[in-house]
Amino acid sequence: MEILWIAVAFICGLIARYIHLPALVGYLAAGFILNYLGFGHTEMLEFIAHTGVLLLLFSVGLKLRLKNVLRVEVFAGSLLHMALASAVLFAVFLSINGLQVSTALIVCIALSFSSTVVAAKVLEEKKELRSFHGRVSIGILIIQDLVAVVILSLSSGHSPSVWALSLLALPLLKPLVHRLLEWSGHDELLVLYGLVLALVVGGLGFETFGLSSELGALLLGILLADHRRSSELSHALWSLKEVFLVGFFLQIGMSGLPNANSLVYAAGLVLLLPVKSLLYFFVLLLFRLRARTAFLAALSLTTYSEFGLIIAQLGVQNGWFASEWLVTMAFAVALSFILAAPLNRVAHSIYGRFEHQLSTLESKRRHPDDEPIHLGSAQLLIVGMGRVGTGAYHFLSHRELRCVGLDSDPAQVERHIKAGRRVLYADAEDPGLWHNLHVHNITAVLLAMPDLEANTIAVKQLRKAGYQGFIGATGVYPEHVDAIVKAGADVAYNYFDEVGVGFAEHVWEKIYA
């Protein structure tokens, strides 16, 4: 059976990618196909799906800092949206016969939540987890996860263990967790250490105390977020996480096939998604976020949560409503995933089309993280201060050129500042950034971001803002190089090809200089 899952998932994923849809849409379709063929959930599939979710959330935690996530606009904004969305959904559900008021209220709160898995995966794929809108989105999801723990405890009659309070001492484990990462080396032991933290300590450990295993995996990742090797650990787990996540999307698709009534109700829930998204947008605007930040965060959260399926399953077990509702919820959740994935892929383009109209809704008082950026007297601007950008900064600044760097990762910015480099926080994919950036003193812009979309957007926005100077960029693949030049860059380099040139130059200098 598992062999058939793999084959069907691959074929459907390949078809989805061929028609320019995210592969996860194909995996959901594979789940529906397998369900139609008579295949149902198994313990193996549930284990694979759960493992994928835990590894994803652990990887998300590795790229976040709790202090940058749990801020006023996130905490208050999440609760306000939850109240407003639940009220709207509750008004709709009251018109449905057969549901008690208390049951309808629980279901509506569950539907007000967004999918942690889809939002995290979309943001990760676009390299936006550490951008401002990415941190806001994940912060909202963390608050929702905490509320979910409370609701599940009240609904199931099981309260968290008294020993759950001991988890407040989790930060005290940070030195030990960091030290074990140092001792784990760079090979298979590193992968095993990541699995132990995500699945055993975070997953099983939190479940033992009556808490969410997903929340545990996320928090264990956050404990390691400021470690210098957190990116290496995330990269080591990447393939495992992606493969196991296929099981999660298969499981959603295999939850059941809807009948006529279920289709109508599921379609109605999907039609309410724009309302949910608009509520996110306007709530975030209330906290002085720019229209772009609020728009991108809202779009990444425009799904129904897999938590809704847990509530539906609990409701069926307790006799609150008919089993038909579980199928309805599963289909609505799956449809929301199918709609959200391609929309988020073109989120920046959608915002660019409506930027003028949406920006008029902004507050005149800016959020501190959305303030304009001043470059001072710098001559060279380097966007993306990873290893490639840092190498370029080091080389050029030692030749007495005044450099300034931009990066969307606050932790990365902090490290560079401590090292004495002038690096500022900014999201290069923000169209508004280039309009508010004074680049008249900049003679050259070097784009050293690993993502093709980020580089091409930056090039287009620079040219659109009237910058006529030199723009150089890096690409991972030959087709990326062509796309960047076509977008308006003067030159683009495949940095894998350039590694050999740089290596030869160093050898030449050592031998013949």
Protein backbone atom coordinates (compact mmCIF):
# COMPACT_ATOMS: atom_id res chain seq x y z
CA MET A 1 0.00 0.00 0.00
CA GLU A 2 2.76 2.45 0.95
CA ILE A 3 4.42 1.84 -2.44
CA LEU A 4 1.18 2.88 -4.17
CA TRP A 5 1.02 6.06 -2.04
CA ILE A 6 4.50 7.05 -3.15
CA ALA A 7 3.75 6.41 -6.83
CA VAL A 8 0.41 8.28 -6.86
CA ALA A 9 1.85 11.19 -4.83
CA PHE A 10 4.81 11.52 -7.23
CA ILE A 11 2.64 11.43 -10.36
CA CYS A 12 0.14 13.98 -9.00
CA GLY A 13 2.91 16.21 -7.65
CA LEU A 14 4.66 16.11 -11.03
CA ILE A 15 1.44 17.05 -12.85
CA ALA A 16 0.81 19.92 -10.44
CA ARG A 17 4.31 21.28 -10.97
CA TYR A 18 3.98 20.90 -14.74
CA ILE A 19 0.88 23.14 -14.74
CA HIS A 20 2.68 25.65 -12.49
CA LEU A 21 0.94 24.76 -9.23
CA PRO A 22 2.72 23.94 -5.95
CA ALA A 23 3.43 20.23 -5.51
CA LEU A 24 1.34 20.11 -2.33
CA VAL A 25 -1.79 20.64 -4.47
CA GLY A 26 -0.86 17.43 -6.29
CA TYR A 27 -0.38 15.58 -2.99
CA LEU A 28 -3.85 16.64 -1.83
CA ALA A 29 -5.28 15.42 -5.13
CA ALA A 30 -3.41 12.13 -4.65
CA GLY A 31 -5.09 11.75 -1.26
CA PHE A 32 -8.55 12.19 -2.81
CA ILE A 33 -7.70 9.70 -5.56
CA LEU A 34 -6.48 7.10 -3.05
CA ASN A 35 -9.60 7.63 -0.97
CA TYR A 36 -11.77 7.14 -4.07
CA LEU A 37 -9.91 3.89 -4.78
CA GLY A 38 -10.84 2.64 -1.32
CA PHE A 39 -7.65 3.34 0.62
CA GLY A 40 -8.05 4.82 4.09
CA HIS A 41 -5.86 6.06 6.92
CA THR A 42 -3.38 3.69 8.49
CA GLU A 43 -1.19 4.03 11.57
CA MET A 44 1.83 4.26 9.28
CA LEU A 45 0.36 7.21 7.38
CA GLU A 46 -0.61 8.98 10.61
CA PHE A 47 2.91 8.53 11.96
CA ILE A 48 4.50 9.84 8.75
CA ALA A 49 2.13 12.83 8.62
CA HIS A 50 2.66 13.73 12.28
CA THR A 51 6.43 13.40 11.93
CA GLY A 52 6.39 15.73 8.91
CA VAL A 53 4.44 18.38 10.80
CA LEU A 54 6.77 18.22 13.83
CA LEU A 55 9.88 18.49 11.65
CA LEU A 56 8.40 21.43 9.76
CA LEU A 57 7.56 23.33 12.93
CA PHE A 58 10.94 22.51 14.44
CA SER A 59 12.59 23.93 11.30
CA VAL A 60 10.42 27.04 11.55
CA GLY A 61 11.50 27.48 15.16
CA LEU A 62 15.16 27.29 14.10
CA LYS A 63 14.62 30.46 12.04
CA LEU A 64 12.74 32.51 14.62
CA ARG A 65 13.34 34.37 17.84
CA LEU A 66 10.51 34.39 20.34
CA LYS A 67 11.11 38.04 21.31
CA ASN A 68 10.67 39.08 17.66
CA VAL A 69 7.47 37.07 17.31
CA LEU A 70 5.41 37.60 20.46
CA ARG A 71 4.89 41.35 20.25
CA VAL A 72 1.81 43.48 20.95
CA GLU A 73 0.59 43.58 17.36
CA VAL A 74 0.88 39.78 17.19
CA PHE A 75 -0.64 38.87 20.55
CA ALA A 76 -3.49 41.42 20.57
CA GLY A 77 -4.00 41.18 16.80
CA SER A 78 -4.36 37.40 16.95
CA LEU A 79 -6.96 37.50 19.73
CA LEU A 80 -8.89 40.34 18.09
CA HIS A 81 -9.02 38.53 14.75
CA MET A 82 -10.08 35.32 16.48
CA ALA A 83 -12.98 37.13 18.17
CA LEU A 84 -14.14 38.90 15.00
CA ALA A 85 -13.80 35.85 12.70
CA SER A 86 -15.56 33.61 15.22
CA ALA A 87 -18.42 36.11 15.50
CA VAL A 88 -18.89 36.21 11.70
CA LEU A 89 -18.75 32.42 11.40
CA PHE A 90 -21.05 31.99 14.41
CA ALA A 91 -23.70 34.17 12.76
CA VAL A 92 -23.53 31.89 9.72
CA PHE A 93 -23.59 28.66 11.72
CA LEU A 94 -26.63 29.70 13.77
CA SER A 95 -28.65 29.42 10.59
CA ILE A 96 -27.70 25.73 10.28
CA ASN A 97 -30.15 23.38 11.96
CA GLY A 98 -28.97 20.58 14.20
CA LEU A 99 -26.04 22.34 15.89
CA GLN A 100 -26.17 23.40 19.53
CA VAL A 101 -24.95 26.89 20.37
CA SER A 102 -21.97 25.63 22.39
CA THR A 103 -20.96 23.20 19.62
CA ALA A 104 -21.28 25.86 16.93
CA LEU A 105 -19.13 28.25 18.98
CA ILE A 106 -16.29 25.71 19.35
CA VAL A 107 -16.38 24.89 15.62
CA CYS A 108 -16.35 28.61 14.70
CA ILE A 109 -13.32 29.31 16.90
CA ALA A 110 -11.55 26.35 15.28
CA LEU A 111 -12.38 27.71 11.81
CA SER A 112 -11.03 31.14 12.76
CA PHE A 113 -7.57 29.56 13.01
CA SER A 114 -5.21 29.28 10.05
CA SER A 115 -3.05 26.37 8.96
CA THR A 116 0.34 26.42 10.64
CA VAL A 117 1.66 23.83 8.20
CA VAL A 118 0.67 25.63 5.00
CA ALA A 119 1.70 29.11 6.19
CA ALA A 120 5.05 27.85 7.47
CA LYS A 121 5.73 25.86 4.30
CA VAL A 122 4.78 28.72 1.97
CA LEU A 123 6.88 31.25 3.89
CA GLU A 124 9.81 28.85 4.10
CA GLU A 125 9.75 28.12 0.36
CA LYS A 126 9.74 31.85 -0.40
CA LYS A 127 12.55 32.52 2.13
CA GLU A 128 10.23 34.87 4.03
CA LEU A 129 10.08 33.27 7.48
CA ARG A 130 12.35 35.97 8.90
CA SER A 131 10.79 38.88 7.03
CA PHE A 132 8.54 41.16 9.06
CA HIS A 133 5.30 39.81 7.60
CA GLY A 134 6.62 36.25 8.03
CA ARG A 135 7.36 36.81 11.72
CA VAL A 136 3.93 38.38 12.23
CA SER A 137 2.24 35.38 10.56
CA ILE A 138 4.13 32.81 12.61
CA GLY A 139 3.53 34.80 15.80
CA ILE A 140 -0.23 34.76 15.17
CA LEU A 141 -0.07 31.02 14.57
CA ILE A 142 1.78 30.47 17.86
CA ILE A 143 -0.96 32.34 19.76
CA GLN A 144 -3.57 30.24 17.96
CA ASP A 145 -1.72 27.05 18.92
CA LEU A 146 -1.77 28.09 22.57
CA VAL A 147 -5.50 28.77 22.43
CA ALA A 148 -5.98 25.42 20.65
CA VAL A 149 -4.38 23.61 23.60
CA VAL A 150 -6.89 25.21 25.97
CA ILE A 151 -9.89 24.41 23.72
CA LEU A 152 -8.85 20.80 23.26
CA SER A 153 -8.37 20.40 27.00
CA LEU A 154 -11.84 21.82 27.74
CA SER A 155 -13.53 19.92 24.90
CA SER A 156 -12.01 16.54 25.68
CA GLY A 157 -12.25 16.86 29.44
CA HIS A 158 -8.52 16.25 29.83
CA SER A 159 -6.48 19.02 31.42
CA PRO A 160 -2.74 19.46 31.05
CA SER A 161 -0.69 17.71 33.70
CA VAL A 162 0.34 19.63 36.80
CA TRP A 163 3.89 18.93 35.66
CA ALA A 164 3.23 21.04 32.55
CA LEU A 165 4.20 24.07 34.65
CA SER A 166 7.74 22.68 34.76
CA LEU A 167 8.02 23.53 31.04
CA LEU A 168 8.28 27.19 32.05
CA ALA A 169 11.84 26.26 32.97
CA LEU A 170 12.53 25.21 29.36
CA PRO A 171 14.84 28.20 28.68
CA LEU A 172 17.16 26.83 31.39
CA LEU A 173 17.91 23.92 29.06
CA LYS A 174 19.25 26.27 26.41
CA PRO A 175 22.96 25.93 27.33
CA LEU A 176 22.70 22.12 27.30
CA VAL A 177 20.78 22.06 24.01
CA HIS A 178 23.40 24.35 22.44
CA ARG A 179 26.30 22.29 23.77
CA LEU A 180 24.83 19.04 22.42
CA LEU A 181 24.49 20.66 19.00
CA GLU A 182 28.20 21.50 19.09
CA TRP A 183 29.04 17.90 19.97
CA SER A 184 26.84 16.42 17.22
CA GLY A 185 29.27 17.09 14.39
CA HIS A 186 28.19 17.53 10.78
CA ASP A 187 27.03 14.07 9.67
CA GLU A 188 24.20 11.65 10.51
CA LEU A 189 24.53 12.39 14.25
CA LEU A 190 23.43 15.97 13.53
CA VAL A 191 20.27 14.68 11.82
CA LEU A 192 19.56 12.29 14.70
CA TYR A 193 19.97 15.13 17.19
CA GLY A 194 17.40 17.18 15.28
CA LEU A 195 15.00 14.22 15.30
CA VAL A 196 15.46 13.73 19.05
CA LEU A 197 14.66 17.38 19.77
CA ALA A 198 11.70 17.61 17.39
CA LEU A 199 10.07 14.22 17.93
CA VAL A 200 11.15 13.08 21.40
CA VAL A 201 11.76 16.15 23.55
CA GLY A 202 9.40 18.55 21.79
CA GLY A 203 6.80 16.10 20.48
CA LEU A 204 6.52 13.23 22.96
CA GLY A 205 7.69 15.36 25.89
CA PHE A 206 4.94 17.95 25.50
CA GLU A 207 2.30 15.26 24.82
CA THR A 208 3.26 13.55 28.08
CA PHE A 209 2.46 16.78 29.93
CA GLY A 210 -0.88 17.11 28.13
CA LEU A 211 0.27 19.84 25.76
CA SER A 212 0.48 20.17 21.98
CA SER A 213 3.35 18.23 20.44
CA GLU A 214 3.37 20.75 17.56
CA LEU A 215 3.91 23.62 19.99
CA GLY A 216 6.69 21.62 21.66
CA ALA A 217 8.57 21.06 18.38
CA LEU A 218 8.28 24.76 17.53
CA LEU A 219 9.57 25.92 20.93
CA LEU A 220 12.51 23.46 20.86
CA GLY A 221 13.51 24.90 17.50
CA ILE A 222 13.31 28.43 18.89
CA LEU A 223 15.72 27.41 21.69
CA LEU A 224 18.37 26.85 19.00
CA ALA A 225 17.44 29.80 16.75
CA ASP A 226 20.32 32.03 17.83
CA HIS A 227 22.94 29.29 17.58
CA ARG A 228 25.46 29.78 14.77
CA ARG A 229 24.74 26.25 13.43
CA SER A 230 20.93 26.48 13.43
CA SER A 231 20.88 26.95 9.64
CA GLU A 232 23.09 23.89 9.19
CA LEU A 233 20.73 21.78 11.30
CA SER A 234 17.72 23.07 9.35
CA HIS A 235 19.42 22.23 6.07
CA ALA A 236 20.34 18.73 7.32
CA LEU A 237 16.68 18.00 8.15
CA TRP A 238 15.26 19.55 4.97
CA SER A 239 14.91 16.39 2.82
CA LEU A 240 13.44 14.32 5.64
CA LYS A 241 10.93 17.04 6.47
CA GLU A 242 9.78 17.44 2.85
CA VAL A 243 9.27 13.70 2.34
CA PHE A 244 7.36 13.20 5.60
CA LEU A 245 5.17 16.24 4.88
CA VAL A 246 3.84 14.47 1.79
CA GLY A 247 2.14 12.13 4.25
CA PHE A 248 0.37 15.05 5.91
CA PHE A 249 -1.17 16.27 2.65
CA LEU A 250 -2.10 12.71 1.66
CA GLN A 251 -3.81 12.29 5.02
CA ILE A 252 -5.89 15.45 4.54
CA GLY A 253 -6.97 14.29 1.08
CA MET A 254 -7.83 10.81 2.37
CA SER A 255 -10.09 12.10 5.15
CA GLY A 256 -13.16 11.37 3.04
CA LEU A 257 -15.11 12.18 -0.10
CA PRO A 258 -18.00 14.63 0.29
CA ASN A 259 -21.62 14.03 -0.73
CA ALA A 260 -23.86 16.74 -2.22
CA ASN A 261 -24.63 18.39 1.13
CA SER A 262 -21.00 18.29 2.21
CA LEU A 263 -19.95 19.92 -1.06
CA VAL A 264 -22.41 22.77 -0.53
CA TYR A 265 -21.29 23.41 3.05
CA ALA A 266 -17.60 23.12 2.12
CA ALA A 267 -18.07 25.54 -0.78
CA GLY A 268 -19.82 27.95 1.60
CA LEU A 269 -16.89 27.80 4.01
CA VAL A 270 -14.45 28.47 1.17
CA LEU A 271 -16.51 31.51 0.13
CA LEU A 272 -16.00 32.88 3.65
CA LEU A 273 -12.20 32.76 3.29
CA PRO A 274 -11.96 36.28 1.74
CA VAL A 275 -13.84 37.63 4.79
CA LYS A 276 -11.33 35.92 7.06
CA SER A 277 -8.45 37.37 5.03
CA LEU A 278 -9.91 40.90 5.08
CA LEU A 279 -10.28 40.71 8.85
CA TYR A 280 -6.59 39.81 9.17
CA PHE A 281 -5.68 42.71 6.87
CA PHE A 282 -7.65 45.39 8.71
CA VAL A 283 -6.73 44.10 12.19
CA LEU A 284 -3.03 44.34 11.32
CA LEU A 285 -3.53 47.83 9.88
CA LEU A 286 -4.95 48.85 13.27
CA PHE A 287 -1.53 48.14 14.76
CA ARG A 288 0.16 50.55 12.30
CA LEU A 289 1.58 47.89 9.98
CA ARG A 290 2.03 48.98 6.40
CA ALA A 291 -0.47 47.81 3.82
CA ARG A 292 2.10 45.51 2.20
CA THR A 293 3.03 43.82 5.48
CA ALA A 294 -0.63 43.37 6.45
CA PHE A 295 -1.54 42.10 2.97
CA LEU A 296 1.22 39.49 2.73
CA ALA A 297 0.64 38.28 6.29
CA ALA A 298 -3.12 38.05 5.72
CA LEU A 299 -2.67 36.12 2.47
CA SER A 300 -0.33 33.60 4.10
CA LEU A 301 -3.00 33.03 6.79
CA THR A 302 -5.94 32.63 4.38
CA THR A 303 -6.60 28.97 5.06
CA TYR A 304 -8.56 26.84 7.47
CA SER A 305 -6.52 25.01 10.03
CA GLU A 306 -5.90 21.31 10.36
CA PHE A 307 -6.92 22.00 13.97
CA GLY A 308 -10.50 22.24 12.65
CA LEU A 309 -10.27 18.58 11.65
CA ILE A 310 -9.21 17.63 15.19
CA ILE A 311 -12.21 19.48 16.62
CA ALA A 312 -14.52 17.87 14.05
CA GLN A 313 -13.19 14.42 14.88
CA LEU A 314 -13.64 15.09 18.60
CA GLY A 315 -17.19 16.31 17.93
CA VAL A 316 -18.09 13.12 16.07
CA GLN A 317 -16.62 10.97 18.86
CA ASN A 318 -18.61 12.87 21.52
CA GLY A 319 -21.82 12.80 19.46
CA TRP A 320 -22.03 16.59 19.03
CA PHE A 321 -22.76 16.30 15.30
CA ALA A 322 -22.95 13.79 12.47
CA SER A 323 -19.85 12.25 10.89
CA GLU A 324 -20.76 14.09 7.68
CA TRP A 325 -19.32 17.22 9.26
CA LEU A 326 -15.87 15.65 9.49
CA VAL A 327 -15.87 15.07 5.74
CA THR A 328 -17.17 18.62 5.15
CA MET A 329 -14.42 20.13 7.28
CA ALA A 330 -11.75 17.97 5.63
CA PHE A 331 -12.86 19.04 2.16
CA ALA A 332 -13.05 22.73 3.18
CA VAL A 333 -9.56 22.57 4.70
CA ALA A 334 -8.18 20.84 1.59
CA LEU A 335 -9.82 23.41 -0.73
CA SER A 336 -8.37 26.26 1.32
CA PHE A 337 -4.90 24.70 0.93
CA ILE A 338 -5.39 24.34 -2.83
CA LEU A 339 -6.42 28.00 -3.16
CA ALA A 340 -3.81 29.42 -0.78
CA ALA A 341 -0.71 27.77 -2.23
CA PRO A 342 -0.80 29.30 -5.76
CA LEU A 343 -2.09 32.66 -4.46
CA ASN A 344 0.84 32.99 -2.07
CA ARG A 345 3.26 32.18 -4.87
CA VAL A 346 2.18 35.37 -6.69
CA ALA A 347 1.44 37.41 -3.55
CA HIS A 348 3.98 40.13 -4.36
CA SER A 349 2.65 40.57 -7.88
CA ILE A 350 -0.93 40.83 -6.59
CA TYR A 351 0.08 43.48 -4.08
CA GLY A 352 2.05 45.38 -6.71
CA ARG A 353 -1.08 45.62 -8.85
CA PHE A 354 -3.17 47.09 -6.01
CA GLU A 355 -0.40 48.90 -4.13
CA HIS A 356 -1.75 52.40 -4.72
CA GLN A 357 -5.26 51.60 -3.50
CA LEU A 358 -4.13 49.54 -0.50
CA SER A 359 -1.44 51.97 0.67
CA THR A 360 -4.09 54.70 1.16
CA LEU A 361 -5.48 52.59 4.03
CA GLU A 362 -2.24 52.75 6.01
CA SER A 363 -1.89 54.64 9.26
CA LYS A 364 0.23 57.79 9.00
CA ARG A 365 2.16 56.59 12.05
CA ARG A 366 4.48 53.75 11.00
CA HIS A 367 5.34 50.65 12.97
CA PRO A 368 9.07 50.78 13.97
CA ASP A 369 9.86 47.75 11.78
CA ASP A 370 8.28 49.48 8.78
CA GLU A 371 10.19 52.77 8.96
CA PRO A 372 12.09 54.09 5.87
CA ILE A 373 15.78 53.24 5.67
CA HIS A 374 18.61 55.75 5.31
CA LEU A 375 21.89 54.57 3.74
CA GLY A 376 24.01 57.58 4.68
CA SER A 377 27.14 58.12 2.60
CA ALA A 378 27.56 54.50 1.44
CA GLN A 379 28.78 53.90 -2.12
CA LEU A 380 27.91 50.23 -2.47
CA LEU A 381 24.71 48.50 -1.39
CA ILE A 382 24.79 44.74 -0.78
CA VAL A 383 21.37 43.09 -0.43
CA GLY A 384 21.41 39.70 1.28
CA MET A 385 24.14 39.33 3.89
CA GLY A 386 24.57 35.57 3.92
CA ARG A 387 27.90 33.95 3.08
CA VAL A 388 28.04 35.37 -0.45
CA GLY A 389 27.01 38.87 0.60
CA THR A 390 29.35 38.86 3.59
CA GLY A 391 32.25 37.80 1.37
CA ALA A 392 31.50 40.63 -1.04
CA TYR A 393 31.24 43.13 1.84
CA HIS A 394 34.57 41.97 3.27
CA PHE A 395 36.35 42.16 -0.10
CA LEU A 396 35.02 45.60 -1.07
CA SER A 397 35.30 47.29 2.33
CA HIS A 398 38.97 46.27 2.54
CA ARG A 399 39.49 48.23 -0.66
CA GLU A 400 38.34 51.39 1.11
CA LEU A 401 34.87 51.42 -0.42
CA ARG A 402 32.01 52.47 1.85
CA CYS A 403 29.56 49.53 1.96
CA VAL A 404 26.18 49.03 3.56
CA GLY A 405 24.26 45.75 3.71
CA LEU A 406 20.56 44.92 3.91
CA ASP A 407 19.09 41.68 5.22
CA SER A 408 15.59 40.48 6.20
CA ASP A 409 16.85 38.31 9.06
CA PRO A 410 17.04 40.30 12.35
CA ALA A 411 19.38 37.73 13.92
CA GLN A 412 21.72 37.99 10.93
CA VAL A 413 21.66 41.78 11.18
CA GLU A 414 22.57 41.62 14.88
CA ARG A 415 25.53 39.33 14.19
CA HIS A 416 26.89 41.66 11.50
CA ILE A 417 26.53 44.73 13.70
CA LYS A 418 28.44 42.98 16.51
CA ALA A 419 31.16 42.16 13.95
CA GLY A 420 31.48 45.86 13.11
CA ARG A 421 29.71 45.82 9.74
CA ARG A 422 27.08 48.37 8.76
CA VAL A 423 24.06 46.20 8.06
CA LEU A 424 20.41 47.27 8.26
CA TYR A 425 17.20 45.29 8.50
CA ALA A 426 15.05 45.42 5.34
CA ASP A 427 12.90 43.17 3.18
CA ALA A 428 14.22 43.41 -0.38
CA GLU A 429 10.95 42.08 -1.82
CA ASP A 430 9.04 45.07 -0.44
CA PRO A 431 8.08 47.35 -3.36
CA GLY A 432 7.71 50.24 -0.92
CA LEU A 433 11.29 49.82 0.30
CA TRP A 434 12.82 50.98 -2.98
CA HIS A 435 10.54 54.00 -3.19
CA ASN A 436 11.60 55.15 0.29
CA LEU A 437 15.28 54.29 -0.09
CA HIS A 438 17.67 57.12 -0.99
CA VAL A 439 20.13 55.54 -3.44
CA HIS A 440 21.45 58.67 -5.18
CA ASN A 441 24.91 58.15 -3.58
CA ILE A 442 25.00 54.44 -4.42
CA THR A 443 27.20 53.62 -7.42
CA ALA A 444 26.47 49.89 -7.47
CA VAL A 445 23.95 47.46 -5.98
CA LEU A 446 24.95 43.84 -5.40
CA LEU A 447 22.07 41.37 -4.96
CA ALA A 448 23.27 38.27 -3.12
CA MET A 449 19.99 36.63 -2.13
CA PRO A 450 19.53 32.88 -2.73
CA ASP A 451 15.96 33.23 -4.01
CA LEU A 452 15.30 34.00 -7.69
CA GLU A 453 12.03 35.83 -7.00
CA ALA A 454 13.68 38.06 -4.39
CA ASN A 455 16.49 39.03 -6.79
CA THR A 456 14.21 39.70 -9.77
CA ILE A 457 11.75 41.73 -7.67
CA ALA A 458 14.62 43.81 -6.27
CA VAL A 459 16.00 44.49 -9.77
CA LYS A 460 12.58 45.48 -11.14
CA GLN A 461 11.79 47.72 -8.18
CA LEU A 462 15.18 49.45 -8.35
CA ARG A 463 14.69 50.25 -12.03
CA LYS A 464 11.08 51.25 -11.42
CA ALA A 465 12.24 53.66 -8.70
CA GLY A 466 14.56 55.31 -11.25
CA TYR A 467 17.92 53.84 -10.22
CA GLN A 468 20.27 53.98 -13.24
CA GLY A 469 23.45 52.67 -11.59
CA PHE A 470 25.10 49.26 -11.84
CA ILE A 471 23.17 46.22 -10.60
CA GLY A 472 24.91 42.86 -10.20
CA ALA A 473 23.28 39.71 -8.86
CA THR A 474 23.87 36.03 -8.15
CA GLY A 475 21.85 33.03 -9.31
CA VAL A 476 21.85 29.36 -8.39
CA TYR A 477 21.05 27.96 -11.85
CA PRO A 478 21.82 29.14 -15.40
CA GLU A 479 18.14 29.90 -16.05
CA HIS A 480 18.13 32.09 -12.91
CA VAL A 481 21.00 34.13 -14.35
CA ASP A 482 19.06 34.72 -17.57
CA ALA A 483 15.90 35.72 -15.68
CA ILE A 484 17.75 38.23 -13.51
CA VAL A 485 19.43 39.91 -16.50
CA LYS A 486 16.10 40.00 -18.30
CA ALA A 487 14.58 41.75 -15.25
CA GLY A 488 17.06 44.63 -15.69
CA ALA A 489 20.35 43.69 -13.99
CA ASP A 490 23.60 44.65 -15.73
CA VAL A 491 25.18 41.31 -14.96
CA ALA A 492 24.37 38.11 -13.08
CA TYR A 493 26.66 35.30 -11.98
CA ASN A 494 26.08 31.65 -11.21
CA TYR A 495 27.94 31.56 -7.91
CA PHE A 496 28.56 27.82 -8.10
CA ASP A 497 30.54 28.49 -11.27
CA GLU A 498 32.34 31.40 -9.61
CA VAL A 499 33.57 29.24 -6.71
CA GLY A 500 36.17 27.64 -8.99
CA VAL A 501 37.35 31.06 -10.23
CA GLY A 502 37.69 32.39 -6.68
CA PHE A 503 39.55 29.28 -5.57
CA ALA A 504 41.99 29.58 -8.47
CA GLU A 505 42.57 33.29 -7.72
CA HIS A 506 43.49 32.53 -4.11
CA VAL A 507 45.92 29.80 -5.19
CA TRP A 508 47.43 32.15 -7.82
CA GLU A 509 47.97 34.89 -5.22
CA LYS A 510 49.63 32.48 -2.77
CA ILE A 511 51.98 31.00 -5.36
CA TYR A 512 52.82 33.90 -7.68
CA ALA A 513 52.08 37.09 -5.76
